[in-house]
PDB file of N, CA and C in Angstrom:
ATOM      1  N   MET A   1      27.613 -52.968  58.602  1.00  0.00           N
ATOM      2  CA  MET A   1      27.997 -52.970  60.007  1.00  0.00           C
ATOM      3  C   MET A   1      29.145 -51.982  60.204  1.00  0.00           C
ATOM      4  N   ASN A   2      29.112 -51.344  61.314  1.00  0.00           N
ATOM      5  CA  ASN A   2      30.217 -50.431  61.597  1.00  0.00           C
ATOM      6  C   ASN A   2      31.359 -51.183  62.278  1.00  0.00           C
ATOM      7  N   LYS A   3      32.445 -50.486  62.497  1.00  0.00           N
ATOM      8  CA  LYS A   3      33.664 -51.126  63.020  1.00  0.00           C
ATOM      9  C   LYS A   3      33.471 -51.664  64.426  1.00  0.00           C
ATOM     10  N   ILE A   4      32.716 -50.963  65.246  1.00  0.00           N
ATOM     11  CA  ILE A   4      32.520 -51.407  66.631  1.00  0.00           C
ATOM     12  C   ILE A   4      31.706 -52.695  66.666  1.00  0.00           C
ATOM     13  N   ALA A   5      30.681 -52.781  65.836  1.00  0.00           N
ATOM     14  CA  ALA A   5      29.860 -53.993  65.794  1.00  0.00           C
ATOM     15  C   ALA A   5      30.677 -55.176  65.291  1.00  0.00           C
ATOM     16  N   LYS A   6      31.512 -54.961  64.276  1.00  0.00           N
ATOM     17  CA  LYS A   6      32.370 -56.043  63.776  1.00  0.00           C
ATOM     18  C   LYS A   6      33.360 -56.488  64.835  1.00  0.00           C
ATOM     19  N   PHE A   7      33.904 -55.520  65.562  1.00  0.00           N
ATOM     20  CA  PHE A   7      34.855 -55.861  66.624  1.00  0.00           C
ATOM     21  C   PHE A   7      34.195 -56.740  67.672  1.00  0.00           C
ATOM     22  N   PHE A   8      32.983 -56.368  68.112  1.00  0.00           N
ATOM     23  CA  PHE A   8      32.306 -57.164  69.128  1.00  0.00           C
ATOM     24  C   PHE A   8      31.861 -58.521  68.584  1.00  0.00           C
ATOM     25  N   LEU A   9      31.544 -58.596  67.301  1.00  0.00           N
ATOM     26  CA  LEU A   9      31.204 -59.883  66.693  1.00  0.00           C
ATOM     27  C   LEU A   9      32.427 -60.797  66.678  1.00  0.00           C
ATOM     28  N   TYR A  10      33.571 -60.271  66.261  1.00  0.00           N
ATOM     29  CA  TYR A  10      34.805 -61.064  66.264  1.00  0.00           C
ATOM     30  C   TYR A  10      35.197 -61.463  67.690  1.00  0.00           C
ATOM     31  N   LEU A  11      35.017 -60.556  68.628  1.00  0.00           N
ATOM     32  CA  LEU A  11      35.319 -60.863  70.026  1.00  0.00           C
ATOM     33  C   LEU A  11      34.420 -61.976  70.546  1.00  0.00           C
ATOM     34  N   LEU A  12      33.138 -61.907  70.227  1.00  0.00           N
ATOM     35  CA  LEU A  12      32.194 -62.938  70.646  1.00  0.00           C
ATOM     36  C   LEU A  12      32.536 -64.284  70.015  1.00  0.00           C
ATOM     37  N   LEU A  13      32.859 -64.286  68.729  1.00  0.00           N
ATOM     38  CA  LEU A  13      33.213 -65.538  68.059  1.00  0.00           C
ATOM     39  C   LEU A  13      34.512 -66.126  68.609  1.00  0.00           C
ATOM     40  N   THR A  14      35.478 -65.276  68.893  1.00  0.00           N
ATOM     41  CA  THR A  14      36.739 -65.748  69.449  1.00  0.00           C
ATOM     42  C   THR A  14      36.536 -66.353  70.836  1.00  0.00           C
ATOM     43  N   CYS A  15      35.791 -65.663  71.673  1.00  0.00           N
ATOM     44  CA  CYS A  15      35.535 -66.178  73.021  1.00  0.00           C
ATOM     45  C   CYS A  15      34.728 -67.474  72.974  1.00  0.00           C
ATOM     46  N   SER A  16      33.761 -67.544  72.071  1.00  0.00           N
ATOM     47  CA  SER A  16      32.969 -68.772  71.936  1.00  0.00           C
ATOM     48  C   SER A  16      33.845 -69.930  71.466  1.00  0.00           C
ATOM     49  N   GLY A  17      34.723 -69.673  70.510  1.00  0.00           N
ATOM     50  CA  GLY A  17      35.622 -70.719  70.031  1.00  0.00           C
ATOM     51  C   GLY A  17      36.558 -71.206  71.118  1.00  0.00           C
ATOM     52  N   LEU A  18      37.118 -70.279  71.884  1.00  0.00           N
ATOM     53  CA  LEU A  18      38.005 -70.673  72.987  1.00  0.00           C
ATOM     54  C   LEU A  18      37.253 -71.470  74.044  1.00  0.00           C
ATOM     55  N   PHE A  19      36.007 -71.083  74.308  1.00  0.00           N
ATOM     56  CA  PHE A  19      35.203 -71.823  75.279  1.00  0.00           C
ATOM     57  C   PHE A  19      34.961 -73.255  74.801  1.00  0.00           C
ATOM     58  N   VAL A  20      34.624 -73.420  73.538  1.00  0.00           N
ATOM     59  CA  VAL A  20      34.359 -74.760  72.996  1.00  0.00           C
ATOM     60  C   VAL A  20      35.614 -75.627  73.086  1.00  0.00           C
ATOM     61  N   VAL A  21      36.769 -75.047  72.747  1.00  0.00           N
ATOM     62  CA  VAL A  21      38.019 -75.808  72.797  1.00  0.00           C
ATOM     63  C   VAL A  21      38.349 -76.217  74.231  1.00  0.00           C
ATOM     64  N   THR A  22      38.293 -75.281  75.172  1.00  0.00           N
ATOM     65  CA  THR A  22      38.627 -75.620  76.562  1.00  0.00           C
ATOM     66  C   THR A  22      37.593 -76.557  77.178  1.00  0.00           C
ATOM     67  N   PHE A  23      36.331 -76.419  76.806  1.00  0.00           N
ATOM     68  CA  PHE A  23      35.305 -77.328  77.323  1.00  0.00           C
ATOM     69  C   PHE A  23      35.538 -78.750  76.810  1.00  0.00           C
ATOM     70  N   THR A  24      35.927 -78.880  75.547  1.00  0.00           N
ATOM     71  CA  THR A  24      36.220 -80.197  74.980  1.00  0.00           C
ATOM     72  C   THR A  24      37.420 -80.832  75.684  1.00  0.00           C
ATOM     73  N   ILE A  25      38.451 -80.036  75.938  1.00  0.00           N
ATOM     74  CA  ILE A  25      39.623 -80.546  76.658  1.00  0.00           C
ATOM     75  C   ILE A  25      39.224 -81.012  78.047  1.00  0.00           C
ATOM     76  N   TYR A  26      38.354 -80.256  78.719  1.00  0.00           N
ATOM     77  CA  TYR A  26      37.919 -80.614  80.073  1.00  0.00           C
ATOM     78  C   TYR A  26      37.072 -81.890  80.062  1.00  0.00           C
ATOM     79  N   ILE A  27      36.105 -81.971  79.169  1.00  0.00           N
ATOM     80  CA  ILE A  27      35.193 -83.114  79.151  1.00  0.00           C
ATOM     81  C   ILE A  27      35.922 -84.404  78.796  1.00  0.00           C
ATOM     82  N   LEU A  28      36.834 -84.345  77.834  1.00  0.00           N
ATOM     83  CA  LEU A  28      37.537 -85.552  77.402  1.00  0.00           C
ATOM     84  C   LEU A  28      38.791 -85.841  78.222  1.00  0.00           C
ATOM     85  N   ASN A  29      39.087 -85.003  79.212  1.00  0.00           N
ATOM     86  CA  ASN A  29      40.231 -85.189  80.107  1.00  0.00           C
ATOM     87  C   ASN A  29      41.544 -85.242  79.325  1.00  0.00           C
ATOM     88  N   LEU A  30      41.648 -84.420  78.287  1.00  0.00           N
ATOM     89  CA  LEU A  30      42.810 -84.473  77.410  1.00  0.00           C
ATOM     90  C   LEU A  30      44.071 -83.953  78.075  1.00  0.00           C
ATOM     91  N   ASP A  31      43.929 -83.060  79.051  1.00  0.00           N
ATOM     92  CA  ASP A  31      45.123 -82.535  79.705  1.00  0.00           C
ATOM     93  C   ASP A  31      45.844 -83.619  80.489  1.00  0.00           C
ATOM     94  N   MET A  32      45.119 -84.470  81.182  1.00  0.00           N
ATOM     95  CA  MET A  32      45.755 -85.540  81.951  1.00  0.00           C
ATOM     96  C   MET A  32      46.260 -86.650  81.033  1.00  0.00           C
ATOM     97  N   LYS A  33      45.599 -86.864  79.912  1.00  0.00           N
ATOM     98  CA  LYS A  33      46.084 -87.859  78.960  1.00  0.00           C
ATOM     99  C   LYS A  33      47.413 -87.416  78.357  1.00  0.00           C
ATOM    100  N   MET A  34      47.526 -86.115  78.055  1.00  0.00           N
ATOM    101  CA  MET A  34      48.782 -85.609  77.520  1.00  0.00           C
ATOM    102  C   MET A  34      49.878 -85.670  78.587  1.00  0.00           C
ATOM    103  N   THR A  35      49.520 -85.350  79.823  1.00  0.00           N
ATOM    104  CA  THR A  35      50.496 -85.400  80.909  1.00  0.00           C
ATOM    105  C   THR A  35      51.007 -86.818  81.123  1.00  0.00           C
ATOM    106  N   SER A  36      50.132 -87.790  81.030  1.00  0.00           N
ATOM    107  CA  SER A  36      50.575 -89.177  81.209  1.00  0.00           C
ATOM    108  C   SER A  36      51.467 -89.629  80.054  1.00  0.00           C
ATOM    109  N   MET A  37      51.314 -89.013  78.875  1.00  0.00           N
ATOM    110  CA  MET A  37      52.182 -89.361  77.751  1.00  0.00           C
ATOM    111  C   MET A  37      53.586 -88.783  77.917  1.00  0.00           C
ATOM    112  N   ILE A  38      53.709 -87.588  78.490  1.00  0.00           N
ATOM    113  CA  ILE A  38      55.028 -86.970  78.605  1.00  0.00           C
ATOM    114  C   ILE A  38      55.694 -87.252  79.942  1.00  0.00           C
ATOM    115  N   GLU A  39      54.996 -87.922  80.849  1.00  0.00           N
ATOM    116  CA  GLU A  39      55.566 -88.211  82.169  1.00  0.00           C
ATOM    117  C   GLU A  39      56.859 -89.016  82.104  1.00  0.00           C
ATOM    118  N   PRO A  40      56.974 -90.064  81.281  1.00  0.00           N
ATOM    119  CA  PRO A  40      58.244 -90.807  81.243  1.00  0.00           C
ATOM    120  C   PRO A  40      59.429 -89.938  80.829  1.00  0.00           C
ATOM    121  N   PHE A  41      59.227 -89.009  79.898  1.00  0.00           N
ATOM    122  CA  PHE A  41      60.305 -88.120  79.481  1.00  0.00           C
ATOM    123  C   PHE A  41      60.702 -87.180  80.615  1.00  0.00           C
ATOM    124  N   LEU A  42      59.706 -86.674  81.346  1.00  0.00           N
ATOM    125  CA  LEU A  42      60.003 -85.785  82.468  1.00  0.00           C
ATOM    126  C   LEU A  42      60.713 -86.533  83.587  1.00  0.00           C
ATOM    127  N   LEU A  43      60.273 -87.748  83.886  1.00  0.00           N
ATOM    128  CA  LEU A  43      60.921 -88.530  84.936  1.00  0.00           C
ATOM    129  C   LEU A  43      62.363 -88.843  84.582  1.00  0.00           C
ATOM    130  N   ARG A  44      62.599 -89.210  83.334  1.00  0.00           N
ATOM    131  CA  ARG A  44      63.965 -89.499  82.899  1.00  0.00           C
ATOM    132  C   ARG A  44      64.845 -88.261  83.034  1.00  0.00           C
ATOM    133  N   HIS A  45      64.313 -87.113  82.669  1.00  0.00           N
ATOM    134  CA  HIS A  45      65.079 -85.864  82.770  1.00  0.00           C
ATOM    135  C   HIS A  45      65.407 -85.528  84.225  1.00  0.00           C
ATOM    136  N   TYR A  46      64.412 -85.580  85.099  1.00  0.00           N
ATOM    137  CA  TYR A  46      64.636 -85.181  86.480  1.00  0.00           C
ATOM    138  C   TYR A  46      65.394 -86.226  87.289  1.00  0.00           C
ATOM    139  N   ASP A  47      65.371 -87.480  86.864  1.00  0.00           N
ATOM    140  CA  ASP A  47      66.170 -88.498  87.547  1.00  0.00           C
ATOM    141  C   ASP A  47      67.661 -88.333  87.272  1.00  0.00           C
ATOM    142  N   ARG A  48      68.020 -87.685  86.168  1.00  0.00           N
ATOM    143  CA  ARG A  48      69.424 -87.473  85.821  1.00  0.00           C
ATOM    144  C   ARG A  48      70.051 -86.283  86.540  1.00  0.00           C
ATOM    145  N   ILE A  49      69.270 -85.461  87.175  1.00  0.00           N
ATOM    146  CA  ILE A  49      69.796 -84.263  87.829  1.00  0.00           C
ATOM    147  C   ILE A  49      70.494 -84.660  89.131  1.00  0.00           C
ATOM    148  N   ASP A  50      71.719 -84.160  89.305  1.00  0.00           N
ATOM    149  CA  ASP A  50      72.436 -84.405  90.556  1.00  0.00           C
ATOM    150  C   ASP A  50      71.801 -83.594  91.671  1.00  0.00           C
ATOM    151  N   ARG A  51      71.699 -84.242  92.835  1.00  0.00           N
ATOM    152  CA  ARG A  51      71.091 -83.564  93.972  1.00  0.00           C
ATOM    153  C   ARG A  51      72.052 -83.545  95.148  1.00  0.00           C
ATOM    154  N   ASP A  52      72.033 -82.445  95.850  1.00  0.00           N
ATOM    155  CA  ASP A  52      72.824 -82.317  97.081  1.00  0.00           C
ATOM    156  C   ASP A  52      71.905 -82.698  98.230  1.00  0.00           C
ATOM    157  N   GLN A  53      72.167 -83.872  98.820  1.00  0.00           N
ATOM    158  CA  GLN A  53      71.275 -84.380  99.848  1.00  0.00           C
ATOM    159  C   GLN A  53      71.851 -84.223 101.249  1.00  0.00           C
ATOM    160  N   HIS A  54      72.801 -83.341 101.422  1.00  0.00           N
ATOM    161  CA  HIS A  54      73.385 -83.125 102.740  1.00  0.00           C
ATOM    162  C   HIS A  54      72.460 -82.225 103.560  1.00  0.00           C
ATOM    163  N   LEU A  55      72.335 -82.573 104.803  1.00  0.00           N
ATOM    164  CA  LEU A  55      71.525 -81.745 105.694  1.00  0.00           C
ATOM    165  C   LEU A  55      72.371 -80.758 106.450  1.00  0.00           C
TER     166      LEU A  55
END
């Protein structure tokens, strides 16, 4: 195989792998599950911030 064919083969395999990973994350709803796990830490952080509530 020449260099161009190898490059396109690696590109195809990389894109296919990324598609499989993102499709799995979408189907299993892993992004929202991770967000629900880190939500308490984010809420604690943002609740500690002083706010200027003057109008």
